[in-house]
PDB file of N, CA and C in Angstrom:
ATOM      1  N   GLN A   1      79.395  86.673 150.033  1.00  0.00           N
ATOM      2  CA  GLN A   1      79.569  87.909 150.852  1.00  0.00           C
ATOM      3  C   GLN A   1      78.400  88.602 151.371  1.00  0.00           C
ATOM      4  N   VAL A   2      77.765  89.366 150.066  1.00  0.00           N
ATOM      5  CA  VAL A   2      76.401  90.060 150.573  1.00  0.00           C
ATOM      6  C   VAL A   2      75.552  89.662 149.259  1.00  0.00           C
ATOM      7  N   GLN A   3      74.279  89.513 149.879  1.00  0.00           N
ATOM      8  CA  GLN A   3      73.237  89.339 148.961  1.00  0.00           C
ATOM      9  C   GLN A   3      72.259  90.483 148.764  1.00  0.00           C
ATOM     10  N   LEU A   4      71.911  90.831 147.531  1.00  0.00           N
ATOM     11  CA  LEU A   4      71.107  92.027 147.277  1.00  0.00           C
ATOM     12  C   LEU A   4      69.776  91.660 146.646  1.00  0.00           C
ATOM     13  N   VAL A   5      68.646  92.133 147.046  1.00  0.00           N
ATOM     14  CA  VAL A   5      67.441  91.810 146.395  1.00  0.00           C
ATOM     15  C   VAL A   5      66.667  93.106 146.131  1.00  0.00           C
ATOM     16  N   GLU A   6      66.514  93.619 144.777  1.00  0.00           N
ATOM     17  CA  GLU A   6      65.933  94.766 144.480  1.00  0.00           C
ATOM     18  C   GLU A   6      64.354  94.436 144.365  1.00  0.00           C
ATOM     19  N   SER A   7      63.469  95.451 144.469  1.00  0.00           N
ATOM     20  CA  SER A   7      62.059  95.675 144.198  1.00  0.00           C
ATOM     21  C   SER A   7      61.642  96.944 143.900  1.00  0.00           C
ATOM     22  N   GLY A   8      60.513  97.007 143.243  1.00  0.00           N
ATOM     23  CA  GLY A   8      59.948  98.300 142.874  1.00  0.00           C
ATOM     24  C   GLY A   8      60.076  98.816 141.490  1.00  0.00           C
ATOM     25  N   GLY A   9      60.596  98.132 140.591  1.00  0.00           N
ATOM     26  CA  GLY A   9      60.580  98.433 139.200  1.00  0.00           C
ATOM     27  C   GLY A   9      59.302  98.322 138.666  1.00  0.00           C
ATOM     28  N   GLY A  10      59.114  98.751 137.355  1.00  0.00           N
ATOM     29  CA  GLY A  10      57.892  98.670 136.713  1.00  0.00           C
ATOM     30  C   GLY A  10      57.769  99.447 135.545  1.00  0.00           C
ATOM     31  N   LEU A  11      56.532  99.749 134.920  1.00  0.00           N
ATOM     32  CA  LEU A  11      56.299 100.686 134.011  1.00  0.00           C
ATOM     33  C   LEU A  11      55.555 101.923 134.275  1.00  0.00           C
ATOM     34  N   VAL A  12      56.048 102.917 134.063  1.00  0.00           N
ATOM     35  CA  VAL A  12      55.632 104.404 134.454  1.00  0.00           C
ATOM     36  C   VAL A  12      55.570 105.251 133.218  1.00  0.00           C
ATOM     37  N   GLN A  13      54.741 106.235 133.289  1.00  0.00           N
ATOM     38  CA  GLN A  13      54.659 107.242 131.938  1.00  0.00           C
ATOM     39  C   GLN A  13      55.684 108.330 132.439  1.00  0.00           C
ATOM     40  N   PRO A  14      56.149 108.937 131.271  1.00  0.00           N
ATOM     41  CA  PRO A  14      56.939 110.043 131.416  1.00  0.00           C
ATOM     42  C   PRO A  14      56.426 111.120 132.312  1.00  0.00           C
ATOM     43  N   GLY A  15      57.366 111.534 133.286  1.00  0.00           N
ATOM     44  CA  GLY A  15      56.873 112.572 134.343  1.00  0.00           C
ATOM     45  C   GLY A  15      56.473 111.850 135.515  1.00  0.00           C
ATOM     46  N   GLY A  16      56.235 110.629 135.579  1.00  0.00           N
ATOM     47  CA  GLY A  16      56.030 109.858 136.836  1.00  0.00           C
ATOM     48  C   GLY A  16      56.968 109.604 137.685  1.00  0.00           C
ATOM     49  N   SER A  17      56.651 108.703 138.784  1.00  0.00           N
ATOM     50  CA  SER A  17      57.625 108.438 139.673  1.00  0.00           C
ATOM     51  C   SER A  17      57.692 106.982 139.990  1.00  0.00           C
ATOM     52  N   LEU A  18      58.670 106.462 140.603  1.00  0.00           N
ATOM     53  CA  LEU A  18      58.930 105.122 141.106  1.00  0.00           C
ATOM     54  C   LEU A  18      59.989 105.211 142.126  1.00  0.00           C
ATOM     55  N   ARG A  19      59.622 104.378 143.064  1.00  0.00           N
ATOM     56  CA  ARG A  19      60.612 104.070 144.294  1.00  0.00           C
ATOM     57  C   ARG A  19      61.013 102.650 144.215  1.00  0.00           C
ATOM     58  N   LEU A  20      62.533 102.470 144.003  1.00  0.00           N
ATOM     59  CA  LEU A  20      63.086 101.281 144.059  1.00  0.00           C
ATOM     60  C   LEU A  20      63.679 100.977 145.605  1.00  0.00           C
ATOM     61  N   SER A  21      63.639  99.819 145.960  1.00  0.00           N
ATOM     62  CA  SER A  21      64.204  99.308 147.110  1.00  0.00           C
ATOM     63  C   SER A  21      65.103  98.276 146.902  1.00  0.00           C
ATOM     64  N   CYS A  22      66.141  98.129 147.936  1.00  0.00           N
ATOM     65  CA  CYS A  22      67.199  96.994 148.011  1.00  0.00           C
ATOM     66  C   CYS A  22      67.269  96.630 149.258  1.00  0.00           C
ATOM     67  N   ALA A  23      67.220  95.277 149.523  1.00  0.00           N
ATOM     68  CA  ALA A  23      67.651  94.738 150.765  1.00  0.00           C
ATOM     69  C   ALA A  23      68.959  93.866 150.921  1.00  0.00           C
ATOM     70  N   ALA A  24      69.821  94.132 151.846  1.00  0.00           N
ATOM     71  CA  ALA A  24      71.115  93.159 152.017  1.00  0.00           C
ATOM     72  C   ALA A  24      70.990  92.320 152.975  1.00  0.00           C
ATOM     73  N   SER A  25      71.746  91.259 152.665  1.00  0.00           N
ATOM     74  CA  SER A  25      71.776  90.245 153.668  1.00  0.00           C
ATOM     75  C   SER A  25      73.220  89.531 153.516  1.00  0.00           C
ATOM     76  N   GLY A  26      73.575  88.749 154.464  1.00  0.00           N
ATOM     77  CA  GLY A  26      74.983  88.059 154.510  1.00  0.00           C
ATOM     78  C   GLY A  26      75.869  89.002 155.409  1.00  0.00           C
ATOM     79  N   ARG A  27      77.125  89.325 154.922  1.00  0.00           N
ATOM     80  CA  ARG A  27      78.001  89.978 155.672  1.00  0.00           C
ATOM     81  C   ARG A  27      77.790  91.496 155.571  1.00  0.00           C
ATOM     82  N   ILE A  28      76.631  91.775 156.170  1.00  0.00           N
ATOM     83  CA  ILE A  28      76.086  93.141 156.138  1.00  0.00           C
ATOM     84  C   ILE A  28      76.909  94.066 156.946  1.00  0.00           C
ATOM     85  N   PHE A  29      77.687  93.524 157.801  1.00  0.00           N
ATOM     86  CA  PHE A  29      78.522  94.325 158.700  1.00  0.00           C
ATOM     87  C   PHE A  29      79.569  94.937 158.109  1.00  0.00           C
ATOM     88  N   SER A  30      80.064  94.321 156.924  1.00  0.00           N
ATOM     89  CA  SER A  30      81.152  94.872 156.194  1.00  0.00           C
ATOM     90  C   SER A  30      80.781  95.881 155.286  1.00  0.00           C
ATOM     91  N   ILE A  31      79.626  96.269 155.096  1.00  0.00           N
ATOM     92  CA  ILE A  31      79.045  97.179 154.033  1.00  0.00           C
ATOM     93  C   ILE A  31      79.564  98.692 154.338  1.00  0.00           C
ATOM     94  N   THR A  32      80.226  99.321 153.505  1.00  0.00           N
ATOM     95  CA  THR A  32      80.607 100.726 153.755  1.00  0.00           C
ATOM     96  C   THR A  32      79.791 101.678 152.829  1.00  0.00           C
ATOM     97  N   ALA A  33      79.327 101.325 151.753  1.00  0.00           N
ATOM     98  CA  ALA A  33      78.506 102.003 150.955  1.00  0.00           C
ATOM     99  C   ALA A  33      77.350 101.275 150.021  1.00  0.00           C
ATOM    100  N   MET A  34      76.300 101.872 149.714  1.00  0.00           N
ATOM    101  CA  MET A  34      75.422 101.148 148.857  1.00  0.00           C
ATOM    102  C   MET A  34      74.960 102.187 147.786  1.00  0.00           C
ATOM    103  N   GLY A  35      74.452 101.622 146.702  1.00  0.00           N
ATOM    104  CA  GLY A  35      74.167 102.528 145.577  1.00  0.00           C
ATOM    105  C   GLY A  35      73.257 101.937 144.646  1.00  0.00           C
ATOM    106  N   TRP A  36      73.055 102.698 143.552  1.00  0.00           N
ATOM    107  CA  TRP A  36      72.397 102.172 142.244  1.00  0.00           C
ATOM    108  C   TRP A  36      73.019 102.422 141.194  1.00  0.00           C
ATOM    109  N   TYR A  37      72.931 101.329 140.235  1.00  0.00           N
ATOM    110  CA  TYR A  37      73.405 101.475 138.760  1.00  0.00           C
ATOM    111  C   TYR A  37      72.413 101.047 137.810  1.00  0.00           C
ATOM    112  N   ARG A  38      72.510 101.390 136.702  1.00  0.00           N
ATOM    113  CA  ARG A  38      71.596 101.123 135.524  1.00  0.00           C
ATOM    114  C   ARG A  38      72.291 100.714 134.165  1.00  0.00           C
ATOM    115  N   GLN A  39      71.739  99.975 133.446  1.00  0.00           N
ATOM    116  CA  GLN A  39      72.211  99.586 132.261  1.00  0.00           C
ATOM    117  C   GLN A  39      70.956  99.508 131.167  1.00  0.00           C
ATOM    118  N   ALA A  40      71.047 100.473 130.211  1.00  0.00           N
ATOM    119  CA  ALA A  40      70.096 100.509 129.091  1.00  0.00           C
ATOM    120  C   ALA A  40      70.548  99.602 127.944  1.00  0.00           C
ATOM    121  N   PRO A  41      69.625  99.300 126.997  1.00  0.00           N
ATOM    122  CA  PRO A  41      70.017  98.556 125.926  1.00  0.00           C
ATOM    123  C   PRO A  41      71.124  99.017 125.044  1.00  0.00           C
ATOM    124  N   GLY A  42      72.077  98.421 124.768  1.00  0.00           N
ATOM    125  CA  GLY A  42      73.179  98.811 123.899  1.00  0.00           C
ATOM    126  C   GLY A  42      74.181  99.874 124.831  1.00  0.00           C
ATOM    127  N   LYS A  43      73.993 100.011 125.907  1.00  0.00           N
ATOM    128  CA  LYS A  43      74.815 100.861 126.717  1.00  0.00           C
ATOM    129  C   LYS A  43      75.530 100.086 127.893  1.00  0.00           C
ATOM    130  N   GLU A  44      76.720 100.815 128.349  1.00  0.00           N
ATOM    131  CA  GLU A  44      77.320 100.275 129.539  1.00  0.00           C
ATOM    132  C   GLU A  44      76.591 100.462 130.777  1.00  0.00           C
ATOM    133  N   ARG A  45      76.886  99.684 131.884  1.00  0.00           N
ATOM    134  CA  ARG A  45      76.352  99.998 133.116  1.00  0.00           C
ATOM    135  C   ARG A  45      76.778 101.406 133.694  1.00  0.00           C
ATOM    136  N   GLU A  46      76.096 102.024 134.201  1.00  0.00           N
ATOM    137  CA  GLU A  46      76.612 103.469 134.538  1.00  0.00           C
ATOM    138  C   GLU A  46      76.015 103.679 136.099  1.00  0.00           C
ATOM    139  N   LEU A  47      76.769 104.459 136.863  1.00  0.00           N
ATOM    140  CA  LEU A  47      76.390 104.906 138.114  1.00  0.00           C
ATOM    141  C   LEU A  47      75.102 105.935 138.058  1.00  0.00           C
ATOM    142  N   VAL A  48      74.298 105.546 139.009  1.00  0.00           N
ATOM    143  CA  VAL A  48      73.088 106.305 139.114  1.00  0.00           C
ATOM    144  C   VAL A  48      73.218 107.244 140.335  1.00  0.00           C
ATOM    145  N   ALA A  49      73.392 106.494 141.389  1.00  0.00           N
ATOM    146  CA  ALA A  49      73.536 107.139 142.885  1.00  0.00           C
ATOM    147  C   ALA A  49      74.211 106.325 143.784  1.00  0.00           C
ATOM    148  N   THR A  50      75.114 106.832 144.769  1.00  0.00           N
ATOM    149  CA  THR A  50      75.766 106.002 145.710  1.00  0.00           C
ATOM    150  C   THR A  50      75.573 106.809 147.137  1.00  0.00           C
ATOM    151  N   LYS A  51      75.637 106.083 148.177  1.00  0.00           N
ATOM    152  CA  LYS A  51      75.747 106.605 149.635  1.00  0.00           C
ATOM    153  C   LYS A  51      76.497 106.043 150.444  1.00  0.00           C
ATOM    154  N   THR A  52      77.580 106.560 151.024  1.00  0.00           N
ATOM    155  CA  THR A  52      78.346 106.043 152.169  1.00  0.00           C
ATOM    156  C   THR A  52      77.681 105.749 153.338  1.00  0.00           C
ATOM    157  N   ASN A  53      78.212 105.060 154.362  1.00  0.00           N
ATOM    158  CA  ASN A  53      77.752 104.864 155.699  1.00  0.00           C
ATOM    159  C   ASN A  53      77.694 106.282 156.484  1.00  0.00           C
ATOM    160  N   GLY A  54      78.615 107.092 156.030  1.00  0.00           N
ATOM    161  CA  GLY A  54      78.927 108.308 156.489  1.00  0.00           C
ATOM    162  C   GLY A  54      77.901 109.514 155.948  1.00  0.00           C
ATOM    163  N   GLY A  55      77.024 108.978 155.092  1.00  0.00           N
ATOM    164  CA  GLY A  55      76.081 110.001 154.440  1.00  0.00           C
ATOM    165  C   GLY A  55      76.539 110.715 153.153  1.00  0.00           C
ATOM    166  N   SER A  56      77.777 110.532 152.701  1.00  0.00           N
ATOM    167  CA  SER A  56      78.178 111.183 151.490  1.00  0.00           C
ATOM    168  C   SER A  56      77.514 110.516 150.295  1.00  0.00           C
ATOM    169  N   THR A  57      76.998 111.345 149.313  1.00  0.00           N
ATOM    170  CA  THR A  57      76.265 110.879 148.186  1.00  0.00           C
ATOM    171  C   THR A  57      76.925 111.315 146.753  1.00  0.00           C
ATOM    172  N   ASN A  58      76.595 110.538 145.871  1.00  0.00           N
ATOM    173  CA  ASN A  58      77.230 110.797 144.562  1.00  0.00           C
ATOM    174  C   ASN A  58      76.157 110.374 143.609  1.00  0.00           C
ATOM    175  N   TYR A  59      75.728 111.532 142.595  1.00  0.00           N
ATOM    176  CA  TYR A  59      74.695 111.240 141.539  1.00  0.00           C
ATOM    177  C   TYR A  59      75.284 111.395 140.259  1.00  0.00           C
ATOM    178  N   ALA A  60      74.771 110.746 139.357  1.00  0.00           N
ATOM    179  CA  ALA A  60      75.008 111.112 138.142  1.00  0.00           C
ATOM    180  C   ALA A  60      74.331 112.339 137.536  1.00  0.00           C
ATOM    181  N   ASP A  61      75.026 113.153 136.775  1.00  0.00           N
ATOM    182  CA  ASP A  61      74.584 114.363 136.387  1.00  0.00           C
ATOM    183  C   ASP A  61      73.037 114.154 135.504  1.00  0.00           C
ATOM    184  N   SER A  62      72.848 113.197 134.911  1.00  0.00           N
ATOM    185  CA  SER A  62      71.646 112.889 134.346  1.00  0.00           C
ATOM    186  C   SER A  62      70.367 112.752 135.142  1.00  0.00           C
ATOM    187  N   VAL A  63      70.629 112.519 136.434  1.00  0.00           N
ATOM    188  CA  VAL A  63      69.660 112.337 137.299  1.00  0.00           C
ATOM    189  C   VAL A  63      69.512 113.303 138.470  1.00  0.00           C
ATOM    190  N   LYS A  64      70.546 114.083 138.632  1.00  0.00           N
ATOM    191  CA  LYS A  64      70.571 114.785 139.768  1.00  0.00           C
ATOM    192  C   LYS A  64      69.405 115.835 139.810  1.00  0.00           C
ATOM    193  N   GLY A  65      68.763 116.131 140.925  1.00  0.00           N
ATOM    194  CA  GLY A  65      67.646 117.048 140.999  1.00  0.00           C
ATOM    195  C   GLY A  65      66.404 116.166 140.867  1.00  0.00           C
ATOM    196  N   ARG A  66      66.492 114.849 140.332  1.00  0.00           N
ATOM    197  CA  ARG A  66      65.148 114.382 140.031  1.00  0.00           C
ATOM    198  C   ARG A  66      65.140 112.927 141.038  1.00  0.00           C
ATOM    199  N   PHE A  67      66.280 112.315 141.120  1.00  0.00           N
ATOM    200  CA  PHE A  67      66.350 111.010 141.917  1.00  0.00           C
ATOM    201  C   PHE A  67      67.013 111.406 143.410  1.00  0.00           C
ATOM    202  N   THR A  68      66.413 110.674 144.416  1.00  0.00           N
ATOM    203  CA  THR A  68      66.974 110.967 145.617  1.00  0.00           C
ATOM    204  C   THR A  68      67.396 109.469 146.227  1.00  0.00           C
ATOM    205  N   ILE A  69      68.746 109.107 146.887  1.00  0.00           N
ATOM    206  CA  ILE A  69      69.106 107.947 147.301  1.00  0.00           C
ATOM    207  C   ILE A  69      68.978 108.248 148.869  1.00  0.00           C
ATOM    208  N   SER A  70      68.492 107.153 149.420  1.00  0.00           N
ATOM    209  CA  SER A  70      68.470 107.262 150.942  1.00  0.00           C
ATOM    210  C   SER A  70      68.806 105.821 151.571  1.00  0.00           C
ATOM    211  N   ARG A  71      69.233 105.881 152.579  1.00  0.00           N
ATOM    212  CA  ARG A  71      69.790 104.364 153.209  1.00  0.00           C
ATOM    213  C   ARG A  71      69.321 104.344 154.692  1.00  0.00           C
ATOM    214  N   ASP A  72      69.229 102.977 155.124  1.00  0.00           N
ATOM    215  CA  ASP A  72      68.853 102.700 156.505  1.00  0.00           C
ATOM    216  C   ASP A  72      70.083 101.770 156.977  1.00  0.00           C
ATOM    217  N   ASN A  73      70.976 102.234 157.496  1.00  0.00           N
ATOM    218  CA  ASN A  73      72.213 101.428 157.735  1.00  0.00           C
ATOM    219  C   ASN A  73      71.901 100.173 158.764  1.00  0.00           C
ATOM    220  N   ALA A  74      70.940 100.402 159.679  1.00  0.00           N
ATOM    221  CA  ALA A  74      70.629  99.420 160.591  1.00  0.00           C
ATOM    222  C   ALA A  74      70.102  98.365 159.857  1.00  0.00           C
ATOM    223  N   LYS A  75      69.046  98.663 158.904  1.00  0.00           N
ATOM    224  CA  LYS A  75      68.298  97.719 158.092  1.00  0.00           C
ATOM    225  C   LYS A  75      68.989  97.224 156.961  1.00  0.00           C
ATOM    226  N   ASN A  76      70.152  97.781 156.436  1.00  0.00           N
ATOM    227  CA  ASN A  76      70.961  97.513 155.508  1.00  0.00           C
ATOM    228  C   ASN A  76      69.992  97.608 154.279  1.00  0.00           C
ATOM    229  N   THR A  77      69.220  98.674 154.010  1.00  0.00           N
ATOM    230  CA  THR A  77      68.438  98.842 152.907  1.00  0.00           C
ATOM    231  C   THR A  77      68.909 100.116 152.190  1.00  0.00           C
ATOM    232  N   VAL A  78      68.730 100.202 150.940  1.00  0.00           N
ATOM    233  CA  VAL A  78      68.830 101.391 150.094  1.00  0.00           C
ATOM    234  C   VAL A  78      67.880 101.581 149.146  1.00  0.00           C
ATOM    235  N   ASN A  79      67.222 102.832 149.011  1.00  0.00           N
ATOM    236  CA  ASN A  79      66.106 103.209 148.329  1.00  0.00           C
ATOM    237  C   ASN A  79      66.519 104.188 147.209  1.00  0.00           C
ATOM    238  N   LEU A  80      65.828 104.200 146.066  1.00  0.00           N
ATOM    239  CA  LEU A  80      65.934 105.252 145.287  1.00  0.00           C
ATOM    240  C   LEU A  80      64.529 105.846 144.796  1.00  0.00           C
ATOM    241  N   GLN A  81      64.467 107.179 145.145  1.00  0.00           N
ATOM    242  CA  GLN A  81      63.223 107.817 144.671  1.00  0.00           C
ATOM    243  C   GLN A  81      63.377 108.319 143.419  1.00  0.00           C
ATOM    244  N   MET A  82      62.549 108.066 142.408  1.00  0.00           N
ATOM    245  CA  MET A  82      62.849 108.509 140.981  1.00  0.00           C
ATOM    246  C   MET A  82      61.521 109.367 140.669  1.00  0.00           C
ATOM    247  N   ASN A  83      61.815 110.778 140.442  1.00  0.00           N
ATOM    248  CA  ASN A  83      60.768 111.479 140.074  1.00  0.00           C
ATOM    249  C   ASN A  83      61.040 112.070 138.746  1.00  0.00           C
ATOM    250  N   SER A  84      60.023 112.577 138.100  1.00  0.00           N
ATOM    251  CA  SER A  84      60.157 113.247 136.847  1.00  0.00           C
ATOM    252  C   SER A  84      60.771 112.420 135.811  1.00  0.00           C
ATOM    253  N   LEU A  85      60.467 111.236 135.670  1.00  0.00           N
ATOM    254  CA  LEU A  85      61.039 110.149 134.855  1.00  0.00           C
ATOM    255  C   LEU A  85      61.047 110.443 133.422  1.00  0.00           C
ATOM    256  N   LYS A  86      61.974 110.246 132.764  1.00  0.00           N
ATOM    257  CA  LYS A  86      62.105 110.431 131.423  1.00  0.00           C
ATOM    258  C   LYS A  86      62.111 109.112 130.536  1.00  0.00           C
ATOM    259  N   PRO A  87      62.068 109.025 129.225  1.00  0.00           N
ATOM    260  CA  PRO A  87      62.132 107.742 128.455  1.00  0.00           C
ATOM    261  C   PRO A  87      63.467 107.342 128.561  1.00  0.00           C
ATOM    262  N   GLU A  88      64.639 108.421 128.753  1.00  0.00           N
ATOM    263  CA  GLU A  88      65.979 107.922 128.782  1.00  0.00           C
ATOM    264  C   GLU A  88      66.375 107.271 130.049  1.00  0.00           C
ATOM    265  N   ASP A  89      65.395 107.231 131.200  1.00  0.00           N
ATOM    266  CA  ASP A  89      65.757 106.659 132.354  1.00  0.00           C
ATOM    267  C   ASP A  89      65.552 104.955 132.143  1.00  0.00           C
ATOM    268  N   THR A  90      64.896 104.653 131.088  1.00  0.00           N
ATOM    269  CA  THR A  90      64.619 103.191 130.968  1.00  0.00           C
ATOM    270  C   THR A  90      65.800 102.230 131.012  1.00  0.00           C
ATOM    271  N   ALA A  91      65.910 101.546 131.808  1.00  0.00           N
ATOM    272  CA  ALA A  91      66.995 100.628 132.032  1.00  0.00           C
ATOM    273  C   ALA A  91      66.762  99.492 133.001  1.00  0.00           C
ATOM    274  N   VAL A  92      67.774  98.572 133.097  1.00  0.00           N
ATOM    275  CA  VAL A  92      67.643  97.818 134.265  1.00  0.00           C
ATOM    276  C   VAL A  92      68.534  98.303 135.391  1.00  0.00           C
ATOM    277  N   TYR A  93      67.937  98.295 136.472  1.00  0.00           N
ATOM    278  CA  TYR A  93      68.456  99.153 137.652  1.00  0.00           C
ATOM    279  C   TYR A  93      68.969  98.019 138.466  1.00  0.00           C
ATOM    280  N   TYR A  94      70.306  98.166 138.866  1.00  0.00           N
ATOM    281  CA  TYR A  94      70.972  97.216 139.761  1.00  0.00           C
ATOM    282  C   TYR A  94      71.324  97.763 141.119  1.00  0.00           C
ATOM    283  N   CYS A  95      71.136  97.089 142.270  1.00  0.00           N
ATOM    284  CA  CYS A  95      71.642  97.596 143.504  1.00  0.00           C
ATOM    285  C   CYS A  95      72.929  97.151 143.873  1.00  0.00           C
ATOM    286  N   ASN A  96      73.878  97.937 144.573  1.00  0.00           N
ATOM    287  CA  ASN A  96      75.359  97.598 144.548  1.00  0.00           C
ATOM    288  C   ASN A  96      75.709  97.718 146.111  1.00  0.00           C
ATOM    289  N   ALA A  97      76.670  97.132 146.591  1.00  0.00           N
ATOM    290  CA  ALA A  97      76.917  97.258 147.907  1.00  0.00           C
ATOM    291  C   ALA A  97      78.599  97.213 148.013  1.00  0.00           C
ATOM    292  N   GLN A  98      79.180  98.156 148.582  1.00  0.00           N
ATOM    293  CA  GLN A  98      80.716  98.052 148.880  1.00  0.00           C
ATOM    294  C   GLN A  98      81.105  97.759 150.246  1.00  0.00           C
ATOM    295  N   GLN A  99      81.957  96.595 150.315  1.00  0.00           N
ATOM    296  CA  GLN A  99      82.492  96.228 151.449  1.00  0.00           C
ATOM    297  C   GLN A  99      83.805  96.681 151.807  1.00  0.00           C
ATOM    298  N   TRP A 100      84.131  96.871 153.158  1.00  0.00           N
ATOM    299  CA  TRP A 100      85.553  97.481 153.390  1.00  0.00           C
ATOM    300  C   TRP A 100      86.635  96.510 153.315  1.00  0.00           C
ATOM    301  N   ASP A 101      86.376  95.104 153.311  1.00  0.00           N
ATOM    302  CA  ASP A 101      87.260  94.179 153.262  1.00  0.00           C
ATOM    303  C   ASP A 101      87.091  93.144 152.091  1.00  0.00           C
ATOM    304  N   TYR A 102      86.214  93.579 151.074  1.00  0.00           N
ATOM    305  CA  TYR A 102      86.049  92.780 149.898  1.00  0.00           C
ATOM    306  C   TYR A 102      86.011  93.553 148.666  1.00  0.00           C
ATOM    307  N   GLY A 103      85.368  94.595 148.671  1.00  0.00           N
ATOM    308  CA  GLY A 103      85.261  95.367 147.508  1.00  0.00           C
ATOM    309  C   GLY A 103      83.886  95.888 147.124  1.00  0.00           C
ATOM    310  N   SER A 104      83.686  96.220 145.841  1.00  0.00           N
ATOM    311  CA  SER A 104      82.311  96.754 145.381  1.00  0.00           C
ATOM    312  C   SER A 104      81.600  95.627 144.386  1.00  0.00           C
ATOM    313  N   ASP A 105      82.086  94.565 144.121  1.00  0.00           N
ATOM    314  CA  ASP A 105      81.552  93.775 143.099  1.00  0.00           C
ATOM    315  C   ASP A 105      80.517  92.889 143.852  1.00  0.00           C
ATOM    316  N   ASN A 106      79.566  93.574 144.363  1.00  0.00           N
ATOM    317  CA  ASN A 106      78.351  92.917 144.871  1.00  0.00           C
ATOM    318  C   ASN A 106      77.068  93.460 144.260  1.00  0.00           C
ATOM    319  N   TRP A 107      76.311  92.651 143.497  1.00  0.00           N
ATOM    320  CA  TRP A 107      75.164  93.037 142.699  1.00  0.00           C
ATOM    321  C   TRP A 107      73.792  92.292 143.101  1.00  0.00           C
ATOM    322  N   GLY A 108      72.889  93.122 142.842  1.00  0.00           N
ATOM    323  CA  GLY A 108      71.542  92.469 142.891  1.00  0.00           C
ATOM    324  C   GLY A 108      71.135  91.941 141.532  1.00  0.00           C
ATOM    325  N   GLN A 109      70.044  91.424 141.488  1.00  0.00           N
ATOM    326  CA  GLN A 109      69.514  90.575 140.212  1.00  0.00           C
ATOM    327  C   GLN A 109      69.277  91.501 139.100  1.00  0.00           C
ATOM    328  N   GLY A 110      68.901  92.919 139.554  1.00  0.00           N
ATOM    329  CA  GLY A 110      68.247  93.878 138.579  1.00  0.00           C
ATOM    330  C   GLY A 110      66.822  93.865 138.577  1.00  0.00           C
ATOM    331  N   THR A 111      66.328  95.109 138.345  1.00  0.00           N
ATOM    332  CA  THR A 111      64.732  95.410 138.294  1.00  0.00           C
ATOM    333  C   THR A 111      64.521  96.218 137.172  1.00  0.00           C
ATOM    334  N   GLN A 112      63.671  96.152 136.245  1.00  0.00           N
ATOM    335  CA  GLN A 112      63.499  96.667 135.070  1.00  0.00           C
ATOM    336  C   GLN A 112      62.709  97.894 135.427  1.00  0.00           C
ATOM    337  N   VAL A 113      63.022  99.046 134.842  1.00  0.00           N
ATOM    338  CA  VAL A 113      62.237 100.127 134.965  1.00  0.00           C
ATOM    339  C   VAL A 113      62.078 100.724 133.413  1.00  0.00           C
ATOM    340  N   THR A 114      60.711 100.846 133.133  1.00  0.00           N
ATOM    341  CA  THR A 114      60.357 101.378 131.701  1.00  0.00           C
ATOM    342  C   THR A 114      59.677 102.616 131.678  1.00  0.00           C
ATOM    343  N   VAL A 115      59.980 103.609 131.151  1.00  0.00           N
ATOM    344  CA  VAL A 115      59.407 104.964 131.145  1.00  0.00           C
ATOM    345  C   VAL A 115      58.892 104.988 129.605  1.00  0.00           C
ATOM    346  N   SER A 116      57.505 105.095 129.622  1.00  0.00           N
ATOM    347  CA  SER A 116      56.885 104.997 128.135  1.00  0.00           C
ATOM    348  C   SER A 116      55.486 105.480 128.200  1.00  0.00           C
ATOM    349  N   SER A 117      54.976 106.310 127.286  1.00  0.00           N
ATOM    350  CA  SER A 117      53.725 106.564 127.130  1.00  0.00           C
ATOM    351  C   SER A 117      52.919 105.568 126.387  1.00  0.00           C
TER     352      SER A 117
END
């Protein structure tokens, strides 16, 4: 359906910033929304931020005001600018794509974000 590849994860100190990127390929014409989810050790995968083709955004309360999602629909990319990072943000971050005729079960391989001093 859609292939997703994340990049930009790494180790950062508390208060620092990282920018994640995700590139989509395959049936990219069918994508209606893209976003980011994360999974910390011992926790369920949770929504971080999503953005539809029309520009509507949705953020988790825990990241609102610190993270910003952006999309380039023509290039089928989605970015996540993460500022004021906290140790609680440590997780594997997954890119997600929603397709109008398939669903939202399209995931990247994940990229590790570690926030530690």
